[in-house]
Amino acid sequence: MSAIFYYGNTNGRLIVKVFDIVNMDTVLEGETAVVTGAASGIGRAIATTFASAGADVVVADLREEPRQGGVPTHERINEETDANAVYV
């Protein structure tokens, strides 16, 4: 079984990597993901999934706090994973 991560777009080309599920906790180790709309909803889920897979995450959103309340995404990532996260 494998998983697909979309992580960029360069000159109109979609960059996609396919990874073996066995290595999911370190598959993005050493990478940095910039996730827009990451304070809430799907963006938050994507940011936390990337962090769980080993990527450092830049949480980009108009608001720092999640719409539904609670801990901001970057703080949650820093507390619950080994990844680093910042809010911009």
N, C-alpha and C. Protein backbone atom coordinates (compact mmCIF):
# COMPACT_ATOMS: atom_id res chain seq x y z
N MET A 1 0.84 -1.17 0.00
CA MET A 1 0.00 0.00 0.00
C MET A 1 0.89 1.24 0.00
N SER A 2 0.47 2.28 -0.67
CA SER A 2 1.24 3.50 -0.70
C SER A 2 0.35 4.71 -0.50
N ALA A 3 0.99 5.84 -0.25
CA ALA A 3 0.27 7.10 -0.05
C ALA A 3 0.88 8.13 -0.99
N ILE A 4 0.08 9.08 -1.41
CA ILE A 4 0.53 10.13 -2.31
C ILE A 4 0.48 11.45 -1.58
N PHE A 5 1.58 12.21 -1.63
CA PHE A 5 1.61 13.56 -1.08
C PHE A 5 1.84 14.54 -2.21
N TYR A 6 0.94 15.50 -2.36
CA TYR A 6 1.17 16.62 -3.27
C TYR A 6 1.88 17.67 -2.43
N TYR A 7 3.02 18.14 -2.91
CA TYR A 7 3.70 19.13 -2.09
C TYR A 7 4.28 20.29 -2.87
N GLY A 8 3.81 20.54 -4.04
CA GLY A 8 4.31 21.73 -4.70
C GLY A 8 3.87 21.85 -6.14
N ASN A 9 4.15 22.99 -6.70
CA ASN A 9 3.83 23.27 -8.08
C ASN A 9 4.96 24.15 -8.60
N THR A 10 5.67 23.68 -9.59
CA THR A 10 6.80 24.42 -10.14
C THR A 10 6.60 24.63 -11.63
N ASN A 11 6.54 25.88 -12.02
CA ASN A 11 6.40 26.22 -13.43
C ASN A 11 5.25 25.47 -14.09
N GLY A 12 4.13 25.40 -13.40
CA GLY A 12 2.95 24.75 -13.95
C GLY A 12 2.97 23.24 -13.86
N ARG A 13 4.01 22.66 -13.23
CA ARG A 13 4.09 21.20 -13.10
C ARG A 13 3.76 20.81 -11.67
N LEU A 14 2.92 19.85 -11.54
CA LEU A 14 2.55 19.32 -10.24
C LEU A 14 3.64 18.38 -9.75
N ILE A 15 4.06 18.55 -8.50
CA ILE A 15 5.07 17.68 -7.91
C ILE A 15 4.37 16.72 -6.96
N VAL A 16 4.49 15.45 -7.24
CA VAL A 16 3.83 14.43 -6.44
C VAL A 16 4.84 13.35 -6.10
N LYS A 17 4.82 12.88 -4.86
CA LYS A 17 5.67 11.76 -4.47
C LYS A 17 4.77 10.64 -3.96
N VAL A 18 5.10 9.44 -4.31
CA VAL A 18 4.38 8.27 -3.83
C VAL A 18 5.30 7.55 -2.84
N PHE A 19 4.80 7.29 -1.65
CA PHE A 19 5.59 6.69 -0.59
C PHE A 19 4.95 5.42 -0.09
N ASP A 20 5.77 4.54 0.38
CA ASP A 20 5.31 3.30 1.01
C ASP A 20 4.74 3.65 2.39
N ILE A 21 3.57 3.12 2.72
CA ILE A 21 2.91 3.40 3.99
C ILE A 21 3.77 2.99 5.18
N VAL A 22 4.62 2.02 5.02
CA VAL A 22 5.45 1.54 6.13
C VAL A 22 6.31 2.67 6.71
N ASN A 23 6.75 3.61 5.90
CA ASN A 23 7.64 4.68 6.34
C ASN A 23 6.92 6.00 6.58
N MET A 24 5.65 6.00 6.83
CA MET A 24 4.88 7.24 6.88
C MET A 24 5.34 8.23 7.96
N ASP A 25 5.91 7.76 9.06
CA ASP A 25 6.29 8.69 10.12
C ASP A 25 7.55 9.49 9.80
N THR A 26 8.33 9.10 8.82
CA THR A 26 9.54 9.84 8.46
C THR A 26 9.63 10.17 6.98
N VAL A 27 8.56 9.96 6.25
CA VAL A 27 8.60 10.11 4.80
C VAL A 27 8.91 11.54 4.35
N LEU A 28 8.55 12.53 5.13
CA LEU A 28 8.81 13.92 4.77
C LEU A 28 9.88 14.55 5.66
N GLU A 29 10.63 13.73 6.36
CA GLU A 29 11.68 14.24 7.24
C GLU A 29 12.68 15.07 6.45
N GLY A 30 13.02 16.25 6.99
CA GLY A 30 13.95 17.14 6.30
C GLY A 30 13.28 18.07 5.31
N GLU A 31 11.99 17.92 5.10
CA GLU A 31 11.24 18.79 4.17
C GLU A 31 10.51 19.86 4.97
N THR A 32 10.15 20.95 4.30
CA THR A 32 9.34 22.00 4.90
C THR A 32 8.11 22.19 4.05
N ALA A 33 6.95 22.16 4.70
CA ALA A 33 5.67 22.35 4.00
C ALA A 33 5.09 23.70 4.37
N VAL A 34 4.63 24.45 3.38
CA VAL A 34 3.90 25.69 3.62
C VAL A 34 2.44 25.38 3.32
N VAL A 35 1.60 25.49 4.34
CA VAL A 35 0.18 25.14 4.19
C VAL A 35 -0.65 26.39 4.41
N THR A 36 -1.36 26.82 3.37
CA THR A 36 -2.23 27.99 3.51
C THR A 36 -3.59 27.54 4.01
N GLY A 37 -4.24 28.41 4.77
CA GLY A 37 -5.54 28.07 5.34
C GLY A 37 -5.40 27.01 6.43
N ALA A 38 -4.26 26.99 7.10
CA ALA A 38 -3.94 25.90 8.02
C ALA A 38 -4.44 26.10 9.44
N ALA A 39 -5.13 27.20 9.73
CA ALA A 39 -5.63 27.41 11.09
C ALA A 39 -6.82 26.51 11.41
N SER A 40 -7.58 26.12 10.40
CA SER A 40 -8.80 25.35 10.63
C SER A 40 -9.08 24.39 9.49
N GLY A 41 -9.99 23.49 9.75
CA GLY A 41 -10.55 22.63 8.72
C GLY A 41 -9.55 21.75 8.00
N ILE A 42 -9.70 21.66 6.67
CA ILE A 42 -8.86 20.78 5.86
C ILE A 42 -7.40 21.23 5.91
N GLY A 43 -7.15 22.53 5.88
CA GLY A 43 -5.78 23.03 5.96
C GLY A 43 -5.09 22.59 7.25
N ARG A 44 -5.83 22.62 8.36
CA ARG A 44 -5.29 22.17 9.65
C ARG A 44 -4.97 20.68 9.60
N ALA A 45 -5.86 19.90 9.01
CA ALA A 45 -5.64 18.46 8.91
C ALA A 45 -4.42 18.15 8.04
N ILE A 46 -4.26 18.89 6.95
CA ILE A 46 -3.10 18.69 6.07
C ILE A 46 -1.81 19.05 6.81
N ALA A 47 -1.81 20.18 7.52
CA ALA A 47 -0.62 20.62 8.24
C ALA A 47 -0.21 19.60 9.30
N THR A 48 -1.17 19.09 10.06
CA THR A 48 -0.84 18.12 11.11
C THR A 48 -0.41 16.78 10.52
N THR A 49 -0.98 16.41 9.38
CA THR A 49 -0.57 15.16 8.71
C THR A 49 0.86 15.28 8.19
N PHE A 50 1.19 16.41 7.56
CA PHE A 50 2.56 16.62 7.09
C PHE A 50 3.54 16.58 8.26
N ALA A 51 3.18 17.22 9.38
CA ALA A 51 4.05 17.22 10.56
C ALA A 51 4.22 15.80 11.10
N SER A 52 3.15 15.03 11.11
CA SER A 52 3.22 13.65 11.58
C SER A 52 4.11 12.80 10.68
N ALA A 53 4.23 13.20 9.42
CA ALA A 53 5.08 12.48 8.47
C ALA A 53 6.52 13.00 8.50
N GLY A 54 6.82 13.95 9.40
CA GLY A 54 8.19 14.40 9.59
C GLY A 54 8.54 15.77 9.04
N ALA A 55 7.63 16.43 8.34
CA ALA A 55 7.93 17.74 7.75
C ALA A 55 7.80 18.85 8.79
N ASP A 56 8.65 19.85 8.69
CA ASP A 56 8.44 21.09 9.42
C ASP A 56 7.36 21.84 8.66
N VAL A 57 6.55 22.63 9.38
CA VAL A 57 5.37 23.23 8.75
C VAL A 57 5.31 24.73 9.00
N VAL A 58 5.05 25.47 7.93
CA VAL A 58 4.73 26.89 8.03
C VAL A 58 3.22 26.98 7.93
N VAL A 59 2.58 27.41 9.02
CA VAL A 59 1.13 27.52 9.09
C VAL A 59 0.75 28.94 8.65
N ALA A 60 0.16 29.05 7.47
CA ALA A 60 -0.20 30.36 6.92
C ALA A 60 -1.73 30.50 6.92
N ASP A 61 -2.21 31.57 7.53
CA ASP A 61 -3.65 31.82 7.56
C ASP A 61 -3.87 33.27 7.98
N LEU A 62 -5.06 33.78 7.72
CA LEU A 62 -5.41 35.13 8.14
C LEU A 62 -5.58 35.22 9.65
N ARG A 63 -6.01 34.13 10.24
CA ARG A 63 -6.21 34.11 11.69
C ARG A 63 -5.33 33.03 12.31
N GLU A 64 -4.88 33.29 13.52
CA GLU A 64 -4.02 32.33 14.22
C GLU A 64 -4.85 31.26 14.91
N GLU A 65 -5.97 31.64 15.48
CA GLU A 65 -6.83 30.72 16.23
C GLU A 65 -7.72 29.93 15.27
N PRO A 66 -7.97 28.66 15.56
CA PRO A 66 -8.90 27.87 14.73
C PRO A 66 -10.31 28.46 14.82
N ARG A 67 -11.06 28.35 13.76
CA ARG A 67 -12.44 28.87 13.75
C ARG A 67 -13.29 28.24 14.83
N GLN A 68 -13.06 26.96 15.10
CA GLN A 68 -13.85 26.25 16.10
C GLN A 68 -13.28 26.38 17.50
N GLY A 69 -12.25 27.21 17.67
CA GLY A 69 -11.62 27.40 18.97
C GLY A 69 -10.56 26.34 19.22
N GLY A 70 -9.88 26.48 20.34
CA GLY A 70 -8.86 25.51 20.69
C GLY A 70 -7.46 26.01 20.47
N VAL A 71 -6.52 25.10 20.51
CA VAL A 71 -5.10 25.41 20.39
C VAL A 71 -4.76 25.73 18.93
N PRO A 72 -4.02 26.81 18.69
CA PRO A 72 -3.60 27.11 17.31
C PRO A 72 -2.81 25.95 16.71
N THR A 73 -2.91 25.79 15.41
CA THR A 73 -2.31 24.66 14.70
C THR A 73 -0.81 24.55 14.95
N HIS A 74 -0.09 25.65 14.86
CA HIS A 74 1.37 25.58 15.03
C HIS A 74 1.75 25.15 16.45
N GLU A 75 0.98 25.58 17.44
CA GLU A 75 1.25 25.16 18.81
C GLU A 75 0.94 23.67 18.99
N ARG A 76 -0.14 23.22 18.39
CA ARG A 76 -0.50 21.80 18.46
C ARG A 76 0.59 20.92 17.83
N ILE A 77 1.08 21.33 16.67
CA ILE A 77 2.13 20.57 15.99
C ILE A 77 3.39 20.51 16.86
N ASN A 78 3.78 21.66 17.43
CA ASN A 78 4.97 21.69 18.26
C ASN A 78 4.83 20.83 19.51
N GLU A 79 3.62 20.74 20.06
CA GLU A 79 3.38 19.95 21.26
C GLU A 79 3.27 18.46 20.98
N GLU A 80 2.65 18.08 19.85
CA GLU A 80 2.29 16.68 19.61
C GLU A 80 3.22 15.93 18.66
N THR A 81 4.14 16.63 18.00
CA THR A 81 5.03 15.93 17.05
C THR A 81 6.47 16.39 17.28
N ASP A 82 7.38 15.76 16.59
CA ASP A 82 8.78 16.15 16.63
C ASP A 82 9.10 17.25 15.62
N ALA A 83 8.11 17.63 14.82
CA ALA A 83 8.30 18.65 13.79
C ALA A 83 8.29 20.05 14.41
N ASN A 84 8.82 21.00 13.69
CA ASN A 84 8.77 22.41 14.07
C ASN A 84 7.69 23.09 13.24
N ALA A 85 6.96 24.00 13.87
CA ALA A 85 5.92 24.73 13.15
C ALA A 85 5.93 26.19 13.57
N VAL A 86 5.66 27.05 12.59
CA VAL A 86 5.55 28.48 12.86
C VAL A 86 4.30 29.01 12.18
N TYR A 87 3.75 30.08 12.73
CA TYR A 87 2.57 30.74 12.15
C TYR A 87 3.02 32.01 11.44
N VAL A 88 2.50 32.19 10.23
CA VAL A 88 2.74 33.45 9.51
C VAL A 88 1.43 33.99 9.00
